[in-house]
N, C-alpha and C. Protein backbone atom coordinates (compact mmCIF):
# COMPACT_ATOMS: atom_id res chain seq x y z
N MET A 1 90.99 -56.30 174.18
CA MET A 1 91.82 -55.32 174.83
C MET A 1 90.92 -54.43 175.70
N PRO A 2 91.08 -54.45 177.01
CA PRO A 2 90.24 -53.63 177.88
C PRO A 2 90.47 -52.13 177.66
N ALA A 3 89.44 -51.36 177.93
CA ALA A 3 89.52 -49.90 177.78
C ALA A 3 89.15 -49.23 179.09
N LEU A 4 89.67 -48.02 179.27
CA LEU A 4 89.35 -47.17 180.41
C LEU A 4 88.66 -45.93 179.86
N VAL A 5 87.48 -45.59 180.43
CA VAL A 5 86.77 -44.39 180.01
C VAL A 5 86.65 -43.48 181.22
N LEU A 6 87.39 -42.38 181.19
CA LEU A 6 87.35 -41.39 182.26
C LEU A 6 86.20 -40.44 181.96
N GLY A 7 85.27 -40.33 182.90
CA GLY A 7 84.06 -39.55 182.64
C GLY A 7 83.04 -40.36 181.86
N GLY A 8 83.07 -41.66 182.02
CA GLY A 8 82.22 -42.57 181.25
C GLY A 8 80.76 -42.61 181.66
N ALA A 9 80.39 -41.95 182.75
CA ALA A 9 78.98 -41.89 183.13
C ALA A 9 78.30 -40.63 182.59
N GLY A 10 79.05 -39.81 181.89
CA GLY A 10 78.49 -38.60 181.29
C GLY A 10 77.75 -38.91 180.01
N PHE A 11 77.18 -37.88 179.43
CA PHE A 11 76.37 -38.03 178.22
C PHE A 11 77.16 -38.68 177.09
N ILE A 12 78.26 -38.10 176.67
CA ILE A 12 79.01 -38.64 175.54
C ILE A 12 79.78 -39.89 175.96
N GLY A 13 80.43 -39.85 177.11
CA GLY A 13 81.21 -40.99 177.58
C GLY A 13 80.39 -42.26 177.72
N SER A 14 79.15 -42.14 178.19
CA SER A 14 78.30 -43.33 178.35
C SER A 14 77.93 -43.94 177.00
N HIS A 15 77.78 -43.12 175.98
CA HIS A 15 77.50 -43.65 174.64
C HIS A 15 78.72 -44.39 174.09
N LEU A 16 79.91 -43.88 174.37
CA LEU A 16 81.12 -44.59 173.96
C LEU A 16 81.20 -45.93 174.70
N CYS A 17 80.88 -45.93 175.99
CA CYS A 17 80.87 -47.19 176.75
C CYS A 17 79.90 -48.19 176.12
N ASP A 18 78.72 -47.73 175.74
CA ASP A 18 77.76 -48.61 175.07
C ASP A 18 78.39 -49.27 173.86
N GLU A 19 79.05 -48.48 173.02
CA GLU A 19 79.66 -49.00 171.80
C GLU A 19 80.73 -50.04 172.12
N LEU A 20 81.59 -49.75 173.08
CA LEU A 20 82.66 -50.69 173.44
C LEU A 20 82.09 -51.97 174.04
N LEU A 21 81.12 -51.84 174.92
CA LEU A 21 80.54 -53.00 175.60
C LEU A 21 79.75 -53.89 174.63
N VAL A 22 79.07 -53.29 173.68
CA VAL A 22 78.30 -54.06 172.70
C VAL A 22 79.23 -54.97 171.90
N THR A 23 80.46 -54.54 171.68
CA THR A 23 81.41 -55.36 170.93
C THR A 23 82.06 -56.43 171.80
N GLY A 24 81.74 -56.45 173.09
CA GLY A 24 82.29 -57.47 173.99
C GLY A 24 83.56 -57.05 174.68
N MET A 25 83.93 -55.79 174.57
CA MET A 25 85.15 -55.29 175.20
C MET A 25 84.92 -55.06 176.70
N GLU A 26 85.91 -55.36 177.50
CA GLU A 26 85.86 -55.03 178.92
C GLU A 26 86.14 -53.54 179.07
N VAL A 27 85.33 -52.87 179.91
CA VAL A 27 85.45 -51.42 180.08
C VAL A 27 85.45 -51.09 181.56
N MET A 28 86.41 -50.27 181.96
CA MET A 28 86.40 -49.69 183.29
C MET A 28 86.03 -48.22 183.14
N VAL A 29 85.07 -47.77 183.94
CA VAL A 29 84.67 -46.38 183.96
C VAL A 29 85.10 -45.78 185.28
N VAL A 30 85.80 -44.65 185.21
CA VAL A 30 86.12 -43.87 186.40
C VAL A 30 85.39 -42.54 186.24
N ASP A 31 84.52 -42.26 187.19
CA ASP A 31 83.72 -41.03 187.14
C ASP A 31 83.37 -40.64 188.56
N ASP A 32 83.49 -39.35 188.87
CA ASP A 32 83.14 -38.90 190.22
C ASP A 32 81.66 -38.52 190.32
N LEU A 33 80.94 -38.64 189.22
CA LEU A 33 79.50 -38.35 189.13
C LEU A 33 79.16 -36.90 189.45
N SER A 34 80.14 -36.00 189.28
CA SER A 34 79.85 -34.58 189.49
C SER A 34 78.95 -34.04 188.38
N THR A 35 79.11 -34.55 187.17
CA THR A 35 78.20 -34.18 186.07
C THR A 35 77.59 -35.41 185.41
N GLY A 36 78.25 -36.55 185.51
CA GLY A 36 77.71 -37.79 184.94
C GLY A 36 76.64 -38.39 185.83
N LYS A 37 75.95 -39.38 185.28
CA LYS A 37 74.87 -40.05 186.02
C LYS A 37 75.05 -41.56 185.91
N LEU A 38 74.99 -42.23 187.02
CA LEU A 38 75.07 -43.68 187.02
C LEU A 38 73.94 -44.28 186.17
N ASP A 39 72.83 -43.58 186.12
CA ASP A 39 71.68 -44.03 185.34
C ASP A 39 72.03 -44.17 183.84
N ASN A 40 73.03 -43.41 183.37
CA ASN A 40 73.43 -43.51 181.96
C ASN A 40 74.02 -44.87 181.62
N LEU A 41 74.44 -45.63 182.62
CA LEU A 41 75.03 -46.95 182.41
C LEU A 41 74.11 -48.08 182.83
N ARG A 42 72.87 -47.78 183.14
CA ARG A 42 71.96 -48.79 183.72
C ARG A 42 71.78 -50.02 182.85
N ARG A 43 71.92 -49.85 181.54
CA ARG A 43 71.77 -50.97 180.61
C ARG A 43 72.77 -52.09 180.93
N TRP A 44 73.88 -51.75 181.52
CA TRP A 44 74.96 -52.70 181.76
C TRP A 44 75.02 -53.19 183.20
N LYS A 45 74.00 -52.92 183.97
CA LYS A 45 73.97 -53.37 185.36
C LYS A 45 74.18 -54.89 185.42
N GLY A 46 75.13 -55.30 186.23
CA GLY A 46 75.40 -56.72 186.40
C GLY A 46 76.29 -57.34 185.33
N SER A 47 76.66 -56.57 184.32
CA SER A 47 77.51 -57.12 183.27
C SER A 47 78.93 -57.32 183.79
N PRO A 48 79.50 -58.48 183.55
CA PRO A 48 80.89 -58.70 183.95
C PRO A 48 81.89 -57.90 183.10
N LEU A 49 81.41 -57.29 182.01
CA LEU A 49 82.29 -56.51 181.15
C LEU A 49 82.52 -55.10 181.66
N LEU A 50 81.65 -54.62 182.57
CA LEU A 50 81.75 -53.24 183.05
C LEU A 50 82.18 -53.20 184.50
N ASP A 51 83.20 -52.40 184.75
CA ASP A 51 83.67 -52.15 186.12
C ASP A 51 83.55 -50.64 186.33
N PHE A 52 82.69 -50.22 187.25
CA PHE A 52 82.50 -48.80 187.53
C PHE A 52 83.19 -48.44 188.83
N VAL A 53 83.98 -47.35 188.80
CA VAL A 53 84.66 -46.86 189.99
C VAL A 53 84.27 -45.40 190.16
N ARG A 54 83.63 -45.11 191.29
CA ARG A 54 83.30 -43.71 191.57
C ARG A 54 84.49 -43.08 192.27
N ALA A 55 85.18 -42.21 191.52
CA ALA A 55 86.39 -41.58 192.04
C ALA A 55 86.78 -40.40 191.17
N ASP A 56 87.68 -39.59 191.70
CA ASP A 56 88.23 -38.46 190.97
C ASP A 56 89.47 -38.93 190.22
N ALA A 57 89.52 -38.72 188.92
CA ALA A 57 90.64 -39.18 188.08
C ALA A 57 91.92 -38.41 188.35
N ARG A 58 91.88 -37.38 189.19
CA ARG A 58 93.11 -36.68 189.57
C ARG A 58 93.88 -37.44 190.64
N ASP A 59 93.28 -38.49 191.20
CA ASP A 59 93.95 -39.35 192.17
C ASP A 59 94.97 -40.19 191.41
N LEU A 60 96.26 -39.84 191.53
CA LEU A 60 97.30 -40.48 190.72
C LEU A 60 97.44 -41.97 191.01
N GLY A 61 97.28 -42.38 192.25
CA GLY A 61 97.36 -43.81 192.57
C GLY A 61 96.23 -44.58 191.92
N LEU A 62 95.03 -44.04 192.01
CA LEU A 62 93.88 -44.68 191.37
C LEU A 62 94.06 -44.74 189.86
N LEU A 63 94.51 -43.64 189.27
CA LEU A 63 94.68 -43.61 187.82
C LEU A 63 95.72 -44.63 187.37
N ALA A 64 96.79 -44.76 188.12
CA ALA A 64 97.82 -45.75 187.76
C ALA A 64 97.23 -47.16 187.79
N ARG A 65 96.43 -47.47 188.82
CA ARG A 65 95.80 -48.79 188.90
C ARG A 65 94.76 -48.98 187.79
N ALA A 66 94.01 -47.92 187.50
CA ALA A 66 92.96 -48.00 186.47
C ALA A 66 93.56 -48.21 185.08
N CYS A 67 94.73 -47.61 184.82
CA CYS A 67 95.37 -47.73 183.50
C CYS A 67 96.02 -49.10 183.30
N ASP A 68 96.29 -49.80 184.40
CA ASP A 68 96.99 -51.07 184.30
C ASP A 68 96.24 -52.06 183.40
N HIS A 69 96.94 -52.61 182.44
CA HIS A 69 96.42 -53.60 181.49
C HIS A 69 95.31 -53.05 180.59
N LYS A 70 95.28 -51.76 180.37
CA LYS A 70 94.31 -51.18 179.44
C LYS A 70 95.03 -50.83 178.14
N GLY A 71 94.41 -51.15 177.03
CA GLY A 71 94.99 -50.81 175.74
C GLY A 71 94.66 -49.39 175.34
N TRP A 72 93.43 -48.99 175.63
CA TRP A 72 92.96 -47.67 175.23
C TRP A 72 92.44 -46.91 176.44
N VAL A 73 92.66 -45.60 176.44
CA VAL A 73 92.08 -44.71 177.44
C VAL A 73 91.37 -43.59 176.69
N PHE A 74 90.11 -43.38 177.03
CA PHE A 74 89.32 -42.28 176.49
C PHE A 74 89.02 -41.34 177.65
N SER A 75 89.24 -40.05 177.45
CA SER A 75 88.98 -39.09 178.52
C SER A 75 87.96 -38.06 178.06
N PHE A 76 86.92 -37.92 178.86
CA PHE A 76 85.91 -36.88 178.64
C PHE A 76 85.95 -35.89 179.80
N LEU A 77 87.13 -35.74 180.40
CA LEU A 77 87.33 -34.86 181.54
C LEU A 77 87.69 -33.46 181.06
N PRO A 78 87.43 -32.44 181.89
CA PRO A 78 87.80 -31.08 181.50
C PRO A 78 89.29 -30.81 181.65
N PHE A 79 90.05 -31.81 182.10
CA PHE A 79 91.49 -31.67 182.26
C PHE A 79 92.15 -32.93 181.68
N ALA A 80 93.40 -32.83 181.31
CA ALA A 80 94.12 -33.98 180.77
C ALA A 80 94.55 -34.88 181.93
N PRO A 81 94.36 -36.20 181.79
CA PRO A 81 94.81 -37.11 182.85
C PRO A 81 96.33 -37.17 182.90
N ASP A 82 96.86 -37.71 183.97
CA ASP A 82 98.30 -37.86 184.15
C ASP A 82 98.83 -38.91 183.17
N LEU A 83 99.55 -38.46 182.16
CA LEU A 83 100.02 -39.37 181.13
C LEU A 83 101.16 -40.26 181.60
N ILE A 84 101.84 -39.87 182.65
CA ILE A 84 102.92 -40.72 183.18
C ILE A 84 102.32 -42.03 183.67
N SER A 85 101.18 -41.95 184.36
CA SER A 85 100.50 -43.16 184.82
C SER A 85 100.12 -44.04 183.64
N CYS A 86 99.61 -43.43 182.59
CA CYS A 86 99.20 -44.18 181.41
C CYS A 86 100.39 -44.81 180.70
N ALA A 87 101.48 -44.05 180.56
CA ALA A 87 102.66 -44.57 179.87
C ALA A 87 103.30 -45.72 180.65
N ARG A 88 103.36 -45.59 181.96
CA ARG A 88 103.94 -46.67 182.78
C ARG A 88 103.11 -47.94 182.68
N ALA A 89 101.84 -47.79 182.46
CA ALA A 89 100.96 -48.96 182.36
C ALA A 89 100.93 -49.51 180.93
N SER A 90 101.72 -48.96 180.05
CA SER A 90 101.81 -49.41 178.66
C SER A 90 100.52 -49.24 177.88
N VAL A 91 99.77 -48.18 178.18
CA VAL A 91 98.58 -47.87 177.39
C VAL A 91 99.01 -47.58 175.97
N LYS A 92 98.32 -48.17 175.01
CA LYS A 92 98.71 -48.04 173.61
C LYS A 92 98.23 -46.74 172.97
N ARG A 93 97.06 -46.26 173.40
CA ARG A 93 96.48 -45.07 172.76
C ARG A 93 95.58 -44.35 173.74
N ILE A 94 95.68 -43.01 173.75
CA ILE A 94 94.83 -42.17 174.59
C ILE A 94 94.12 -41.18 173.68
N VAL A 95 92.82 -41.03 173.89
CA VAL A 95 92.04 -40.04 173.16
C VAL A 95 91.47 -39.07 174.18
N LEU A 96 91.90 -37.81 174.07
CA LEU A 96 91.41 -36.75 174.95
C LEU A 96 90.33 -35.98 174.21
N ASN A 97 89.18 -35.83 174.82
CA ASN A 97 88.08 -35.09 174.21
C ASN A 97 87.94 -33.75 174.90
N GLY A 98 88.41 -32.71 174.26
CA GLY A 98 88.23 -31.36 174.77
C GLY A 98 89.32 -30.86 175.70
N SER A 99 90.22 -31.70 176.19
CA SER A 99 91.32 -31.21 177.03
C SER A 99 92.61 -31.25 176.23
N ARG A 100 93.58 -30.46 176.65
CA ARG A 100 94.82 -30.30 175.89
C ARG A 100 96.03 -30.60 176.75
N LEU A 101 97.09 -31.07 176.08
CA LEU A 101 98.38 -31.30 176.72
C LEU A 101 99.30 -30.12 176.41
N PRO A 102 100.27 -29.85 177.29
CA PRO A 102 101.21 -28.76 177.00
C PRO A 102 102.09 -29.06 175.79
N ALA A 103 102.38 -30.34 175.55
CA ALA A 103 103.20 -30.73 174.39
C ALA A 103 102.62 -32.01 173.78
N PRO A 104 102.63 -32.13 172.46
CA PRO A 104 102.08 -33.33 171.82
C PRO A 104 102.82 -34.60 172.24
N GLN A 105 102.11 -35.69 172.30
CA GLN A 105 102.67 -37.00 172.60
C GLN A 105 102.28 -37.94 171.47
N PRO A 106 103.17 -38.85 171.05
CA PRO A 106 102.87 -39.70 169.89
C PRO A 106 101.71 -40.67 170.09
N PHE A 107 101.39 -41.04 171.32
CA PHE A 107 100.32 -42.00 171.54
C PHE A 107 99.01 -41.33 172.00
N VAL A 108 98.95 -40.00 171.82
CA VAL A 108 97.78 -39.24 172.26
C VAL A 108 97.14 -38.52 171.09
N CYS A 109 95.82 -38.64 170.99
CA CYS A 109 95.04 -37.88 170.02
C CYS A 109 94.13 -36.95 170.81
N GLU A 110 94.27 -35.66 170.57
CA GLU A 110 93.44 -34.66 171.25
C GLU A 110 92.31 -34.27 170.30
N VAL A 111 91.11 -34.69 170.62
CA VAL A 111 89.96 -34.41 169.76
C VAL A 111 89.36 -33.07 170.17
N SER A 112 89.38 -32.11 169.22
CA SER A 112 88.73 -30.83 169.48
C SER A 112 87.24 -31.07 169.46
N LEU A 113 86.62 -30.85 170.58
CA LEU A 113 85.20 -31.17 170.69
C LEU A 113 84.48 -30.06 171.43
N ASP A 114 83.54 -29.43 170.76
CA ASP A 114 82.64 -28.48 171.40
C ASP A 114 81.41 -29.26 171.81
N SER A 115 81.39 -29.72 173.06
CA SER A 115 80.31 -30.60 173.50
C SER A 115 78.94 -29.92 173.48
N SER A 116 78.92 -28.59 173.38
CA SER A 116 77.63 -27.89 173.37
C SER A 116 76.86 -28.13 172.07
N VAL A 117 77.50 -28.66 171.02
CA VAL A 117 76.81 -28.91 169.76
C VAL A 117 76.36 -30.37 169.63
N VAL A 118 76.74 -31.22 170.60
CA VAL A 118 76.42 -32.64 170.53
C VAL A 118 75.04 -32.87 171.15
N TYR A 119 74.22 -33.69 170.48
CA TYR A 119 72.89 -34.00 170.99
C TYR A 119 72.62 -35.48 170.84
N GLY A 120 71.60 -35.95 171.55
CA GLY A 120 71.22 -37.36 171.44
C GLY A 120 70.55 -37.84 172.71
N PRO A 121 70.19 -39.13 172.76
CA PRO A 121 69.57 -39.68 173.96
C PRO A 121 70.46 -39.46 175.18
N ARG A 122 69.85 -39.23 176.31
CA ARG A 122 70.53 -38.96 177.58
C ARG A 122 71.24 -37.61 177.59
N GLY A 123 71.00 -36.79 176.58
CA GLY A 123 71.64 -35.48 176.50
C GLY A 123 70.70 -34.46 175.89
N PRO A 124 71.26 -33.38 175.37
CA PRO A 124 70.43 -32.34 174.75
C PRO A 124 69.64 -32.88 173.56
N ARG A 125 68.46 -32.29 173.35
CA ARG A 125 67.60 -32.69 172.24
C ARG A 125 67.99 -31.99 170.94
N GLU A 126 68.72 -30.92 171.03
CA GLU A 126 69.08 -30.14 169.84
C GLU A 126 70.59 -29.98 169.75
N GLY A 127 71.08 -29.91 168.53
CA GLY A 127 72.49 -29.70 168.29
C GLY A 127 72.79 -29.92 166.83
N THR A 128 74.06 -29.92 166.49
CA THR A 128 74.45 -30.11 165.09
C THR A 128 75.21 -31.42 164.87
N LEU A 129 75.60 -32.10 165.96
CA LEU A 129 76.39 -33.32 165.84
C LEU A 129 75.78 -34.39 166.74
N PHE A 130 75.24 -35.45 166.11
CA PHE A 130 74.62 -36.52 166.89
C PHE A 130 75.71 -37.29 167.62
N VAL A 131 75.43 -37.73 168.82
CA VAL A 131 76.42 -38.37 169.69
C VAL A 131 77.08 -39.58 169.03
N SER A 132 76.37 -40.30 168.19
CA SER A 132 76.96 -41.48 167.54
C SER A 132 78.15 -41.10 166.65
N ASP A 133 78.13 -39.90 166.08
CA ASP A 133 79.26 -39.48 165.26
C ASP A 133 80.47 -39.13 166.12
N VAL A 134 80.27 -38.62 167.31
CA VAL A 134 81.38 -38.37 168.23
C VAL A 134 81.99 -39.71 168.67
N VAL A 135 81.13 -40.69 168.94
CA VAL A 135 81.61 -42.03 169.29
C VAL A 135 82.44 -42.59 168.14
N ARG A 136 81.93 -42.47 166.92
CA ARG A 136 82.66 -42.98 165.75
C ARG A 136 84.00 -42.26 165.60
N ALA A 137 84.04 -40.96 165.82
CA ALA A 137 85.30 -40.21 165.73
C ALA A 137 86.30 -40.70 166.77
N ASN A 138 85.83 -41.01 167.98
CA ASN A 138 86.72 -41.54 169.02
C ASN A 138 87.28 -42.90 168.62
N MET A 139 86.45 -43.75 168.04
CA MET A 139 86.92 -45.07 167.61
C MET A 139 87.93 -44.93 166.47
N MET A 140 87.70 -44.00 165.58
CA MET A 140 88.66 -43.77 164.49
C MET A 140 89.98 -43.26 165.06
N ALA A 141 89.93 -42.37 166.02
CA ALA A 141 91.14 -41.79 166.61
C ALA A 141 91.95 -42.85 167.36
N VAL A 142 91.29 -43.74 168.05
CA VAL A 142 92.02 -44.74 168.84
C VAL A 142 92.63 -45.82 167.96
N MET A 143 92.04 -46.09 166.81
CA MET A 143 92.52 -47.17 165.95
C MET A 143 93.52 -46.73 164.90
N ASN A 144 93.67 -45.44 164.67
CA ASN A 144 94.53 -44.97 163.60
C ASN A 144 95.66 -44.13 164.15
N ARG A 145 96.87 -44.64 164.08
CA ARG A 145 98.05 -43.94 164.60
C ARG A 145 98.35 -42.65 163.83
N ASP A 146 97.77 -42.48 162.64
CA ASP A 146 97.99 -41.25 161.89
C ASP A 146 97.35 -40.05 162.57
N PHE A 147 96.38 -40.31 163.43
CA PHE A 147 95.74 -39.22 164.17
C PHE A 147 96.46 -39.05 165.50
N ALA A 148 97.39 -38.13 165.53
CA ALA A 148 98.11 -37.80 166.76
C ALA A 148 98.11 -36.28 166.88
N GLY A 149 98.23 -35.80 168.09
CA GLY A 149 98.13 -34.36 168.29
C GLY A 149 96.68 -33.94 168.22
N GLU A 150 96.44 -32.71 167.85
CA GLU A 150 95.08 -32.18 167.85
C GLU A 150 94.40 -32.42 166.50
N VAL A 151 93.17 -32.91 166.58
CA VAL A 151 92.36 -33.15 165.39
C VAL A 151 90.90 -32.90 165.78
N SER A 152 90.11 -32.41 164.87
CA SER A 152 88.70 -32.14 165.18
C SER A 152 87.83 -33.33 164.80
N VAL A 153 86.64 -33.38 165.39
CA VAL A 153 85.68 -34.42 165.03
C VAL A 153 85.39 -34.32 163.54
N GLU A 154 85.27 -33.10 163.04
CA GLU A 154 84.99 -32.90 161.62
C GLU A 154 86.11 -33.47 160.75
N GLN A 155 87.37 -33.29 161.16
CA GLN A 155 88.49 -33.85 160.39
C GLN A 155 88.45 -35.38 160.40
N LEU A 156 88.12 -35.95 161.56
CA LEU A 156 88.05 -37.40 161.66
C LEU A 156 86.95 -37.97 160.77
N LEU A 157 85.88 -37.22 160.61
CA LEU A 157 84.72 -37.72 159.87
C LEU A 157 84.58 -37.13 158.47
N LYS A 158 85.60 -36.44 157.99
CA LYS A 158 85.46 -35.69 156.73
C LYS A 158 85.15 -36.57 155.52
N HIS A 159 85.51 -37.83 155.56
CA HIS A 159 85.25 -38.70 154.41
C HIS A 159 84.07 -39.63 154.64
N SER A 160 83.23 -39.30 155.60
CA SER A 160 82.07 -40.15 155.86
C SER A 160 80.84 -39.28 156.06
N THR A 161 79.71 -39.87 155.82
CA THR A 161 78.46 -39.15 156.03
C THR A 161 78.02 -39.37 157.47
N PRO A 162 77.25 -38.43 158.01
CA PRO A 162 76.76 -38.62 159.38
C PRO A 162 75.97 -39.91 159.51
N LEU A 163 76.13 -40.56 160.64
CA LEU A 163 75.38 -41.79 160.88
C LEU A 163 73.90 -41.52 161.06
N VAL A 164 73.57 -40.34 161.58
CA VAL A 164 72.19 -40.01 161.91
C VAL A 164 71.87 -38.62 161.37
N THR A 165 70.79 -38.51 160.59
CA THR A 165 70.34 -37.21 160.12
C THR A 165 69.60 -36.51 161.26
N PRO A 166 69.41 -35.19 161.17
CA PRO A 166 68.67 -34.49 162.22
C PRO A 166 67.26 -35.07 162.46
N GLU A 167 66.58 -35.47 161.39
CA GLU A 167 65.24 -36.06 161.54
C GLU A 167 65.32 -37.39 162.27
N GLN A 168 66.29 -38.22 161.89
CA GLN A 168 66.48 -39.50 162.57
C GLN A 168 66.87 -39.28 164.03
N GLY A 169 67.70 -38.28 164.27
CA GLY A 169 68.13 -37.98 165.63
C GLY A 169 66.95 -37.65 166.53
N ARG A 170 66.05 -36.82 166.05
CA ARG A 170 64.86 -36.48 166.85
C ARG A 170 64.01 -37.72 167.10
N ALA A 171 63.87 -38.58 166.09
CA ALA A 171 63.09 -39.81 166.25
C ALA A 171 63.74 -40.74 167.27
N VAL A 172 65.07 -40.85 167.24
CA VAL A 172 65.78 -41.70 168.20
C VAL A 172 65.59 -41.16 169.62
N ILE A 173 65.71 -39.85 169.78
CA ILE A 173 65.54 -39.25 171.11
C ILE A 173 64.11 -39.47 171.61
N ASP A 174 63.13 -39.25 170.75
CA ASP A 174 61.73 -39.47 171.15
C ASP A 174 61.48 -40.91 171.57
N ALA A 175 62.00 -41.87 170.80
CA ALA A 175 61.82 -43.28 171.13
C ALA A 175 62.52 -43.62 172.45
N TYR A 176 63.71 -43.09 172.64
CA TYR A 176 64.45 -43.33 173.89
C TYR A 176 63.68 -42.78 175.08
N GLU A 177 63.15 -41.57 174.94
CA GLU A 177 62.43 -40.96 176.07
C GLU A 177 61.14 -41.70 176.38
N ARG A 178 60.47 -42.25 175.36
CA ARG A 178 59.25 -43.03 175.62
C ARG A 178 59.57 -44.33 176.35
N ALA A 179 60.71 -44.95 176.04
CA ALA A 179 61.06 -46.24 176.62
C ALA A 179 61.93 -46.13 177.87
N ASN A 180 62.29 -44.92 178.27
CA ASN A 180 63.24 -44.72 179.36
C ASN A 180 62.68 -45.15 180.71
N PRO A 181 63.20 -46.27 181.27
CA PRO A 181 62.78 -46.66 182.61
C PRO A 181 63.41 -45.73 183.64
N THR A 182 62.76 -45.57 184.77
CA THR A 182 63.23 -44.61 185.77
C THR A 182 63.95 -45.27 186.95
N SER A 183 64.21 -46.56 186.87
CA SER A 183 64.84 -47.24 188.00
C SER A 183 66.30 -46.81 188.12
N LEU A 184 66.75 -46.62 189.34
CA LEU A 184 68.13 -46.28 189.63
C LEU A 184 68.90 -47.57 189.88
N ILE A 185 70.11 -47.64 189.38
CA ILE A 185 70.90 -48.85 189.55
C ILE A 185 72.17 -48.56 190.34
N VAL A 186 72.75 -49.58 190.84
CA VAL A 186 74.05 -49.46 191.48
C VAL A 186 74.96 -50.49 190.83
N LEU A 187 76.04 -50.01 190.24
CA LEU A 187 76.99 -50.90 189.60
C LEU A 187 78.11 -51.24 190.57
N ARG A 188 78.76 -52.36 190.34
CA ARG A 188 79.86 -52.75 191.23
C ARG A 188 81.05 -51.86 191.02
């Protein structure tokens, strides 16, 4: 089932893309690169599973085309995407990270996320929530219909231990920074 990640070139969104792509899922990323970086997706350069579109997700025509044949939509935008476009395209589940709708929708999970506490490779070195746990919370939200309306990352993860301890997190960031190539890529 293909997925759409709005803001997928950003720090958290790119980690979610990594998780989806590693499982063999087709992913379309729509990002205007105002805060995201194409370099965050360099690992997937040339992959037939990734389709990158540099655009503003407020473009309703583009959003309608991007939602077409997508099962899941993840949004890391500071605003909620147009849900009419998503509903018309028969999107099964939408996970909004940090943005809110005026009224709850049964196929939408609004994840309360304070992105200033998230840390990890390609992002801040310090924080209280490693990026892999935010990715895991998004996957839990998209797969479980019981999570509708507003829910926090902490609520989603309340019955699990963190994937990465603070010590492990620092080690992962250090290893990533040592191995980080500086080449710029261009995705299709």
